[in-house]
PDB file of N, CA and C in Angstrom:
ATOM      1  N   MET A   1     149.497  57.416-177.134  1.00  0.00           N
ATOM      2  CA  MET A   1     148.506  57.546-176.080  1.00  0.00           C
ATOM      3  C   MET A   1     149.130  58.016-174.745  1.00  0.00           C
ATOM      4  N   SER A   2     148.472  58.998-174.095  1.00  0.00           N
ATOM      5  CA  SER A   2     149.089  59.637-172.919  1.00  0.00           C
ATOM      6  C   SER A   2     148.690  58.760-171.734  1.00  0.00           C
ATOM      7  N   ARG A   3     149.488  58.873-170.749  1.00  0.00           N
ATOM      8  CA  ARG A   3     149.263  58.114-169.516  1.00  0.00           C
ATOM      9  C   ARG A   3     148.436  59.011-168.480  1.00  0.00           C
ATOM     10  N   SER A   4     147.660  58.271-167.759  1.00  0.00           N
ATOM     11  CA  SER A   4     146.816  58.945-166.713  1.00  0.00           C
ATOM     12  C   SER A   4     147.712  59.386-165.585  1.00  0.00           C
ATOM     13  N   LYS A   5     147.129  60.172-164.692  1.00  0.00           N
ATOM     14  CA  LYS A   5     147.905  60.663-163.544  1.00  0.00           C
ATOM     15  C   LYS A   5     148.335  59.495-162.706  1.00  0.00           C
ATOM     16  N   LEU A   6     147.357  58.549-162.467  1.00  0.00           N
ATOM     17  CA  LEU A   6     147.678  57.357-161.698  1.00  0.00           C
ATOM     18  C   LEU A   6     148.838  56.569-162.265  1.00  0.00           C
ATOM     19  N   GLU A   7     148.742  56.394-163.730  1.00  0.00           N
ATOM     20  CA  GLU A   7     149.787  55.572-164.406  1.00  0.00           C
ATOM     21  C   GLU A   7     151.171  56.262-164.218  1.00  0.00           C
ATOM     22  N   MET A   8     151.170  57.643-164.373  1.00  0.00           N
ATOM     23  CA  MET A   8     152.373  58.414-164.157  1.00  0.00           C
ATOM     24  C   MET A   8     152.969  58.194-162.819  1.00  0.00           C
ATOM     25  N   ASN A   9     152.106  58.312-161.831  1.00  0.00           N
ATOM     26  CA  ASN A   9     152.633  58.190-160.358  1.00  0.00           C
ATOM     27  C   ASN A   9     153.266  56.706-160.262  1.00  0.00           C
ATOM     28  N   ILE A  10     152.463  55.803-160.692  1.00  0.00           N
ATOM     29  CA  ILE A  10     152.923  54.334-160.511  1.00  0.00           C
ATOM     30  C   ILE A  10     154.254  54.186-161.344  1.00  0.00           C
ATOM     31  N   ASP A  11     154.339  54.776-162.491  1.00  0.00           N
ATOM     32  CA  ASP A  11     155.566  54.625-163.306  1.00  0.00           C
ATOM     33  C   ASP A  11     156.743  55.282-162.517  1.00  0.00           C
ATOM     34  N   ILE A  12     156.590  56.439-161.937  1.00  0.00           N
ATOM     35  CA  ILE A  12     157.701  57.019-161.196  1.00  0.00           C
ATOM     36  C   ILE A  12     158.049  56.147-159.999  1.00  0.00           C
ATOM     37  N   LEU A  13     157.097  55.641-159.339  1.00  0.00           N
ATOM     38  CA  LEU A  13     157.523  54.803-158.185  1.00  0.00           C
ATOM     39  C   LEU A  13     158.221  53.484-158.693  1.00  0.00           C
ATOM     40  N   LYS A  14     157.774  52.950-159.833  1.00  0.00           N
ATOM     41  CA  LYS A  14     158.443  51.785-160.288  1.00  0.00           C
ATOM     42  C   LYS A  14     159.793  52.033-160.790  1.00  0.00           C
ATOM     43  N   VAL A  15     160.106  53.154-161.429  1.00  0.00           N
ATOM     44  CA  VAL A  15     161.414  53.505-161.787  1.00  0.00           C
ATOM     45  C   VAL A  15     162.362  53.660-160.592  1.00  0.00           C
ATOM     46  N   LEU A  16     161.907  54.305-159.506  1.00  0.00           N
ATOM     47  CA  LEU A  16     162.641  54.466-158.377  1.00  0.00           C
ATOM     48  C   LEU A  16     162.918  53.094-157.646  1.00  0.00           C
ATOM     49  N   ALA A  17     161.996  52.210-157.720  1.00  0.00           N
ATOM     50  CA  ALA A  17     162.056  50.898-157.123  1.00  0.00           C
ATOM     51  C   ALA A  17     163.211  50.027-157.956  1.00  0.00           C
ATOM     52  N   GLN A  18     163.114  50.157-159.178  1.00  0.00           N
ATOM     53  CA  GLN A  18     164.063  49.454-160.048  1.00  0.00           C
ATOM     54  C   GLN A  18     165.430  49.951-160.058  1.00  0.00           C
ATOM     55  N   ARG A  19     165.599  51.273-160.123  1.00  0.00           N
ATOM     56  CA  ARG A  19     166.875  51.925-160.365  1.00  0.00           C
ATOM     57  C   ARG A  19     167.514  52.576-159.060  1.00  0.00           C
ATOM     58  N   GLY A  20     166.757  52.490-158.004  1.00  0.00           N
ATOM     59  CA  GLY A  20     167.271  53.086-156.704  1.00  0.00           C
ATOM     60  C   GLY A  20     167.102  54.664-156.672  1.00  0.00           C
ATOM     61  N   PRO A  21     167.708  55.275-155.667  1.00  0.00           N
ATOM     62  CA  PRO A  21     167.564  56.693-155.621  1.00  0.00           C
ATOM     63  C   PRO A  21     168.161  57.380-156.863  1.00  0.00           C
ATOM     64  N   LEU A  22     167.419  58.330-157.427  1.00  0.00           N
ATOM     65  CA  LEU A  22     167.878  58.990-158.669  1.00  0.00           C
ATOM     66  C   LEU A  22     167.690  60.467-158.567  1.00  0.00           C
ATOM     67  N   GLN A  23     168.652  61.096-159.280  1.00  0.00           N
ATOM     68  CA  GLN A  23     168.596  62.638-159.430  1.00  0.00           C
ATOM     69  C   GLN A  23     167.415  62.901-160.306  1.00  0.00           C
ATOM     70  N   LEU A  24     167.012  64.158-160.327  1.00  0.00           N
ATOM     71  CA  LEU A  24     165.878  64.637-161.100  1.00  0.00           C
ATOM     72  C   LEU A  24     166.103  64.297-162.516  1.00  0.00           C
ATOM     73  N   THR A  25     167.198  64.631-163.069  1.00  0.00           N
ATOM     74  CA  THR A  25     167.369  64.516-164.585  1.00  0.00           C
ATOM     75  C   THR A  25     167.377  63.024-164.957  1.00  0.00           C
ATOM     76  N   HIS A  26     167.924  62.109-164.072  1.00  0.00           N
ATOM     77  CA  HIS A  26     167.931  60.733-164.450  1.00  0.00           C
ATOM     78  C   HIS A  26     166.502  60.093-164.284  1.00  0.00           C
ATOM     79  N   LEU A  27     165.905  60.575-163.329  1.00  0.00           N
ATOM     80  CA  LEU A  27     164.441  60.133-163.137  1.00  0.00           C
ATOM     81  C   LEU A  27     163.549  60.564-164.277  1.00  0.00           C
ATOM     82  N   MET A  28     163.854  61.852-164.727  1.00  0.00           N
ATOM     83  CA  MET A  28     163.025  62.369-165.837  1.00  0.00           C
ATOM     84  C   MET A  28     163.209  61.531-167.070  1.00  0.00           C
ATOM     85  N   CYS A  29     164.509  61.094-167.376  1.00  0.00           N
ATOM     86  CA  CYS A  29     164.754  60.315-168.504  1.00  0.00           C
ATOM     87  C   CYS A  29     164.182  58.847-168.354  1.00  0.00           C
ATOM     88  N   GLN A  30     164.351  58.192-167.222  1.00  0.00           N
ATOM     89  CA  GLN A  30     163.901  56.872-166.998  1.00  0.00           C
ATOM     90  C   GLN A  30     162.435  56.760-167.000  1.00  0.00           C
ATOM     91  N   ALA A  31     161.667  57.785-166.525  1.00  0.00           N
ATOM     92  CA  ALA A  31     160.258  57.700-166.463  1.00  0.00           C
ATOM     93  C   ALA A  31     159.604  58.334-167.671  1.00  0.00           C
ATOM     94  N   ASN A  32     160.505  59.011-168.548  1.00  0.00           N
ATOM     95  CA  ASN A  32     159.963  59.560-169.764  1.00  0.00           C
ATOM     96  C   ASN A  32     158.945  60.676-169.486  1.00  0.00           C
ATOM     97  N   VAL A  33     159.338  61.632-168.630  1.00  0.00           N
ATOM     98  CA  VAL A  33     158.449  62.737-168.204  1.00  0.00           C
ATOM     99  C   VAL A  33     159.221  64.071-168.318  1.00  0.00           C
ATOM    100  N   ASN A  34     158.474  65.077-168.785  1.00  0.00           N
ATOM    101  CA  ASN A  34     159.025  66.435-168.815  1.00  0.00           C
ATOM    102  C   ASN A  34     159.285  66.928-167.451  1.00  0.00           C
ATOM    103  N   CYS A  35     160.420  67.728-167.426  1.00  0.00           N
ATOM    104  CA  CYS A  35     160.918  68.121-166.035  1.00  0.00           C
ATOM    105  C   CYS A  35     159.863  68.926-165.168  1.00  0.00           C
ATOM    106  N   ASN A  36     159.212  69.879-165.900  1.00  0.00           N
ATOM    107  CA  ASN A  36     158.245  70.672-165.079  1.00  0.00           C
ATOM    108  C   ASN A  36     157.020  69.837-164.673  1.00  0.00           C
ATOM    109  N   ILE A  37     156.596  68.882-165.500  1.00  0.00           N
ATOM    110  CA  ILE A  37     155.535  67.975-165.060  1.00  0.00           C
ATOM    111  C   ILE A  37     156.053  67.043-163.971  1.00  0.00           C
ATOM    112  N   LEU A  38     157.241  66.490-164.058  1.00  0.00           N
ATOM    113  CA  LEU A  38     157.792  65.631-163.103  1.00  0.00           C
ATOM    114  C   LEU A  38     157.824  66.272-161.730  1.00  0.00           C
ATOM    115  N   LYS A  39     158.234  67.558-161.627  1.00  0.00           N
ATOM    116  CA  LYS A  39     158.358  68.214-160.336  1.00  0.00           C
ATOM    117  C   LYS A  39     156.958  68.260-159.667  1.00  0.00           C
ATOM    118  N   GLY A  40     155.912  68.430-160.397  1.00  0.00           N
ATOM    119  CA  GLY A  40     154.523  68.450-159.899  1.00  0.00           C
ATOM    120  C   GLY A  40     154.235  66.961-159.286  1.00  0.00           C
ATOM    121  N   TYR A  41     154.525  65.913-160.097  1.00  0.00           N
ATOM    122  CA  TYR A  41     154.353  64.659-159.589  1.00  0.00           C
ATOM    123  C   TYR A  41     155.093  64.275-158.295  1.00  0.00           C
ATOM    124  N   LEU A  42     156.363  64.772-158.336  1.00  0.00           N
ATOM    125  CA  LEU A  42     157.264  64.525-157.134  1.00  0.00           C
ATOM    126  C   LEU A  42     156.675  65.223-155.943  1.00  0.00           C
ATOM    127  N   ASP A  43     156.137  66.491-156.007  1.00  0.00           N
ATOM    128  CA  ASP A  43     155.660  67.259-155.003  1.00  0.00           C
ATOM    129  C   ASP A  43     154.447  66.354-154.351  1.00  0.00           C
ATOM    130  N   PHE A  44     153.548  65.882-155.274  1.00  0.00           N
ATOM    131  CA  PHE A  44     152.458  65.076-154.846  1.00  0.00           C
ATOM    132  C   PHE A  44     152.827  63.858-154.123  1.00  0.00           C
ATOM    133  N   LEU A  45     153.803  63.094-154.648  1.00  0.00           N
ATOM    134  CA  LEU A  45     154.310  61.740-154.076  1.00  0.00           C
ATOM    135  C   LEU A  45     154.962  62.032-152.810  1.00  0.00           C
ATOM    136  N   ILE A  46     155.677  63.091-152.653  1.00  0.00           N
ATOM    137  CA  ILE A  46     156.321  63.478-151.348  1.00  0.00           C
ATOM    138  C   ILE A  46     155.264  63.796-150.272  1.00  0.00           C
ATOM    139  N   LYS A  47     154.255  64.534-150.611  1.00  0.00           N
ATOM    140  CA  LYS A  47     153.267  64.973-149.740  1.00  0.00           C
ATOM    141  C   LYS A  47     152.388  63.707-149.280  1.00  0.00           C
ATOM    142  N   GLN A  48     152.303  62.639-150.058  1.00  0.00           N
ATOM    143  CA  GLN A  48     151.639  61.455-149.797  1.00  0.00           C
ATOM    144  C   GLN A  48     152.452  60.498-148.981  1.00  0.00           C
ATOM    145  N   GLY A  49     153.743  60.838-148.861  1.00  0.00           N
ATOM    146  CA  GLY A  49     154.669  59.961-148.088  1.00  0.00           C
ATOM    147  C   GLY A  49     155.110  58.704-148.911  1.00  0.00           C
ATOM    148  N   LEU A  50     155.055  58.801-150.209  1.00  0.00           N
ATOM    149  CA  LEU A  50     155.430  57.657-151.063  1.00  0.00           C
ATOM    150  C   LEU A  50     156.900  57.748-151.500  1.00  0.00           C
ATOM    151  N   ILE A  51     157.409  58.921-151.559  1.00  0.00           N
ATOM    152  CA  ILE A  51     158.834  59.064-151.927  1.00  0.00           C
ATOM    153  C   ILE A  51     159.377  60.112-151.060  1.00  0.00           C
ATOM    154  N   GLU A  52     160.735  60.198-150.910  1.00  0.00           N
ATOM    155  CA  GLU A  52     161.423  61.241-150.054  1.00  0.00           C
ATOM    156  C   GLU A  52     162.609  61.781-150.882  1.00  0.00           C
ATOM    157  N   GLU A  53     162.911  63.052-150.498  1.00  0.00           N
ATOM    158  CA  GLU A  53     164.159  63.684-151.057  1.00  0.00           C
ATOM    159  C   GLU A  53     165.314  63.323-150.041  1.00  0.00           C
ATOM    160  N   ARG A  54     166.428  63.004-150.638  1.00  0.00           N
ATOM    161  CA  ARG A  54     167.696  62.751-149.828  1.00  0.00           C
ATOM    162  C   ARG A  54     168.761  63.642-150.406  1.00  0.00           C
ATOM    163  N   VAL A  55     169.430  64.309-149.458  1.00  0.00           N
ATOM    164  CA  VAL A  55     170.521  65.154-149.840  1.00  0.00           C
ATOM    165  C   VAL A  55     171.824  64.315-149.653  1.00  0.00           C
ATOM    166  N   ILE A  56     172.544  64.315-150.785  1.00  0.00           N
ATOM    167  CA  ILE A  56     173.833  63.527-150.759  1.00  0.00           C
ATOM    168  C   ILE A  56     174.934  64.515-151.280  1.00  0.00           C
ATOM    169  N   GLU A  57     176.044  64.238-150.776  1.00  0.00           N
ATOM    170  CA  GLU A  57     177.272  65.063-151.197  1.00  0.00           C
ATOM    171  C   GLU A  57     177.008  66.569-151.000  1.00  0.00           C
ATOM    172  N   LYS A  58     176.400  66.973-149.923  1.00  0.00           N
ATOM    173  CA  LYS A  58     176.174  68.337-149.529  1.00  0.00           C
ATOM    174  C   LYS A  58     175.197  69.136-150.371  1.00  0.00           C
ATOM    175  N   SER A  59     175.113  68.880-151.621  1.00  0.00           N
ATOM    176  CA  SER A  59     174.194  69.702-152.518  1.00  0.00           C
ATOM    177  C   SER A  59     173.408  68.999-153.528  1.00  0.00           C
ATOM    178  N   SER A  60     173.713  67.671-153.585  1.00  0.00           N
ATOM    179  CA  SER A  60     172.896  66.913-154.549  1.00  0.00           C
ATOM    180  C   SER A  60     171.737  66.241-154.004  1.00  0.00           C
ATOM    181  N   VAL A  61     170.593  66.401-154.699  1.00  0.00           N
ATOM    182  CA  VAL A  61     169.342  65.789-154.156  1.00  0.00           C
ATOM    183  C   VAL A  61     168.994  64.611-155.118  1.00  0.00           C
ATOM    184  N   VAL A  62     168.564  63.458-154.389  1.00  0.00           N
ATOM    185  CA  VAL A  62     168.038  62.358-155.071  1.00  0.00           C
ATOM    186  C   VAL A  62     166.667  62.001-154.530  1.00  0.00           C
ATOM    187  N   TYR A  63     165.948  61.200-155.290  1.00  0.00           N
ATOM    188  CA  TYR A  63     164.560  60.805-154.914  1.00  0.00           C
ATOM    189  C   TYR A  63     164.539  59.345-154.639  1.00  0.00           C
ATOM    190  N   ALA A  64     163.782  58.882-153.646  1.00  0.00           N
ATOM    191  CA  ALA A  64     163.790  57.495-153.399  1.00  0.00           C
ATOM    192  C   ALA A  64     162.385  57.028-152.873  1.00  0.00           C
ATOM    193  N   ASN A  65     161.998  55.858-153.069  1.00  0.00           N
ATOM    194  CA  ASN A  65     160.765  55.364-152.500  1.00  0.00           C
ATOM    195  C   ASN A  65     160.815  55.280-150.944  1.00  0.00           C
ATOM    196  N   THR A  66     159.759  55.465-150.307  1.00  0.00           N
ATOM    197  CA  THR A  66     159.545  55.160-148.860  1.00  0.00           C
ATOM    198  C   THR A  66     159.049  53.668-148.824  1.00  0.00           C
ATOM    199  N   ASP A  67     158.962  53.243-147.616  1.00  0.00           N
ATOM    200  CA  ASP A  67     158.319  51.887-147.393  1.00  0.00           C
ATOM    201  C   ASP A  67     156.911  51.925-147.876  1.00  0.00           C
ATOM    202  N   ARG A  68     156.183  53.030-147.644  1.00  0.00           N
ATOM    203  CA  ARG A  68     154.766  53.117-148.146  1.00  0.00           C
ATOM    204  C   ARG A  68     154.742  53.118-149.716  1.00  0.00           C
ATOM    205  N   GLY A  69     155.672  53.884-150.252  1.00  0.00           N
ATOM    206  CA  GLY A  69     155.741  53.759-151.739  1.00  0.00           C
ATOM    207  C   GLY A  69     155.897  52.392-152.335  1.00  0.00           C
ATOM    208  N   THR A  70     156.793  51.668-151.686  1.00  0.00           N
ATOM    209  CA  THR A  70     157.023  50.267-152.040  1.00  0.00           C
ATOM    210  C   THR A  70     155.797  49.417-151.948  1.00  0.00           C
ATOM    211  N   ASN A  71     155.109  49.585-150.780  1.00  0.00           N
ATOM    212  CA  ASN A  71     153.836  48.872-150.627  1.00  0.00           C
ATOM    213  C   ASN A  71     152.745  49.137-151.662  1.00  0.00           C
ATOM    214  N   VAL A  72     152.746  50.486-152.109  1.00  0.00           N
ATOM    215  CA  VAL A  72     151.778  50.951-153.154  1.00  0.00           C
ATOM    216  C   VAL A  72     152.073  50.141-154.429  1.00  0.00           C
ATOM    217  N   ILE A  73     153.412  50.042-154.816  1.00  0.00           N
ATOM    218  CA  ILE A  73     153.816  49.317-156.010  1.00  0.00           C
ATOM    219  C   ILE A  73     153.416  47.901-155.901  1.00  0.00           C
ATOM    220  N   LYS A  74     153.555  47.260-154.794  1.00  0.00           N
ATOM    221  CA  LYS A  74     153.223  45.836-154.561  1.00  0.00           C
ATOM    222  C   LYS A  74     151.696  45.717-154.745  1.00  0.00           C
ATOM    223  N   PHE A  75     150.914  46.567-154.129  1.00  0.00           N
ATOM    224  CA  PHE A  75     149.518  46.548-154.229  1.00  0.00           C
ATOM    225  C   PHE A  75     148.956  46.649-155.710  1.00  0.00           C
ATOM    226  N   PHE A  76     149.561  47.673-156.476  1.00  0.00           N
ATOM    227  CA  PHE A  76     149.122  47.711-157.858  1.00  0.00           C
ATOM    228  C   PHE A  76     149.630  46.593-158.713  1.00  0.00           C
ATOM    229  N   GLY A  77     150.745  45.974-158.337  1.00  0.00           N
ATOM    230  CA  GLY A  77     151.264  44.750-159.086  1.00  0.00           C
ATOM    231  C   GLY A  77     150.256  43.594-158.891  1.00  0.00           C
ATOM    232  N   GLU A  78     149.731  43.529-157.721  1.00  0.00           N
ATOM    233  CA  GLU A  78     148.644  42.448-157.469  1.00  0.00           C
ATOM    234  C   GLU A  78     147.377  42.736-158.274  1.00  0.00           C
ATOM    235  N   LEU A  79     146.941  44.020-158.306  1.00  0.00           N
ATOM    236  CA  LEU A  79     145.785  44.365-159.018  1.00  0.00           C
ATOM    237  C   LEU A  79     145.965  44.123-160.520  1.00  0.00           C
ATOM    238  N   ASN A  80     147.113  44.198-160.984  1.00  0.00           N
ATOM    239  CA  ASN A  80     147.378  44.075-162.379  1.00  0.00           C
ATOM    240  C   ASN A  80     147.471  42.535-162.844  1.00  0.00           C
ATOM    241  N   LYS A  81     147.579  41.663-161.952  1.00  0.00           N
ATOM    242  CA  LYS A  81     147.587  40.203-162.288  1.00  0.00           C
ATOM    243  C   LYS A  81     146.322  39.850-162.841  1.00  0.00           C
ATOM    244  N   PRO A  82     146.316  38.836-163.773  1.00  0.00           N
ATOM    245  CA  PRO A  82     145.033  38.409-164.312  1.00  0.00           C
ATOM    246  C   PRO A  82     144.241  37.623-163.142  1.00  0.00           C
ATOM    247  N   LEU A  83     142.898  37.724-163.251  1.00  0.00           N
ATOM    248  CA  LEU A  83     142.049  36.979-162.342  1.00  0.00           C
ATOM    249  C   LEU A  83     141.829  35.601-162.776  1.00  0.00           C
ATOM    250  N   LEU A  84     142.035  34.700-161.898  1.00  0.00           N
ATOM    251  CA  LEU A  84     141.769  33.270-162.221  1.00  0.00           C
ATOM    252  C   LEU A  84     140.384  32.987-162.052  1.00  0.00           C
ATOM    253  N   VAL A  85     139.700  32.511-163.107  1.00  0.00           N
ATOM    254  CA  VAL A  85     138.283  32.188-163.057  1.00  0.00           C
ATOM    255  C   VAL A  85     138.067  30.636-162.990  1.00  0.00           C
ATOM    256  N   LYS A  86     137.391  30.309-161.856  1.00  0.00           N
ATOM    257  CA  LYS A  86     137.081  28.865-161.646  1.00  0.00           C
ATOM    258  C   LYS A  86     135.772  28.558-162.312  1.00  0.00           C
ATOM    259  N   GLU A  87     135.823  27.436-163.116  1.00  0.00           N
ATOM    260  CA  GLU A  87     134.589  27.140-163.846  1.00  0.00           C
ATOM    261  C   GLU A  87     133.780  26.276-162.981  1.00  0.00           C
ATOM    262  N   ASP A  88     132.610  26.530-162.922  1.00  0.00           N
ATOM    263  CA  ASP A  88     131.604  25.810-162.096  1.00  0.00           C
ATOM    264  C   ASP A  88     130.637  25.024-163.105  1.00  0.00           C
ATOM    265  N   SER A  89     130.503  23.708-163.002  1.00  0.00           N
ATOM    266  CA  SER A  89     129.795  22.910-163.949  1.00  0.00           C
ATOM    267  C   SER A  89     128.437  23.367-164.060  1.00  0.00           C
ATOM    268  N   LYS A  90     127.773  23.928-163.116  1.00  0.00           N
ATOM    269  CA  LYS A  90     126.377  24.373-163.287  1.00  0.00           C
ATOM    270  C   LYS A  90     126.233  25.589-164.109  1.00  0.00           C
ATOM    271  N   PHE A  91     127.382  26.322-164.397  1.00  0.00           N
ATOM    272  CA  PHE A  91     127.286  27.505-165.228  1.00  0.00           C
ATOM    273  C   PHE A  91     127.751  27.271-166.661  1.00  0.00           C
ATOM    274  N   LEU A  92     128.266  26.075-166.934  1.00  0.00           N
ATOM    275  CA  LEU A  92     128.734  25.738-168.231  1.00  0.00           C
ATOM    276  C   LEU A  92     127.554  25.747-169.192  1.00  0.00           C
ATOM    277  N   PRO A  93     127.794  26.141-170.512  1.00  0.00           N
ATOM    278  CA  PRO A  93     126.622  26.151-171.444  1.00  0.00           C
ATOM    279  C   PRO A  93     126.270  24.756-171.805  1.00  0.00           C
ATOM    280  N   VAL A  94     124.942  24.675-171.958  1.00  0.00           N
ATOM    281  CA  VAL A  94     124.357  23.393-172.284  1.00  0.00           C
ATOM    282  C   VAL A  94     124.419  23.129-173.835  1.00  0.00           C
ATOM    283  N   PRO A  95     125.033  21.961-174.211  1.00  0.00           N
ATOM    284  CA  PRO A  95     125.206  21.720-175.627  1.00  0.00           C
ATOM    285  C   PRO A  95     123.828  21.381-176.311  1.00  0.00           C
ATOM    286  N   TYR A  96     123.685  21.893-177.487  1.00  0.00           N
ATOM    287  CA  TYR A  96     122.423  21.811-178.108  1.00  0.00           C
ATOM    288  C   TYR A  96     122.355  20.666-179.206  1.00  0.00           C
TER     289      TYR A  96
END
């Protein structure tokens, strides 16, 4: 089953949150995404201010979450929690 665009973006943000700044090839493996497809997602996430490119060692580029990206992960984590349903006695089924 393929992942939706939203799921792909969230997966990329989660990998960066868990593994720290990563080079493209490492991110590609960890997020299980094709290189060309990943580049498109990275461009989108950078434009949205969710991740940033960092140059290290003069020529090596890594990708890392921004504060906004971290907040998005927290938000989706909260949405993913199960809803607690409080039972109200007036809505319980009546025994027959």
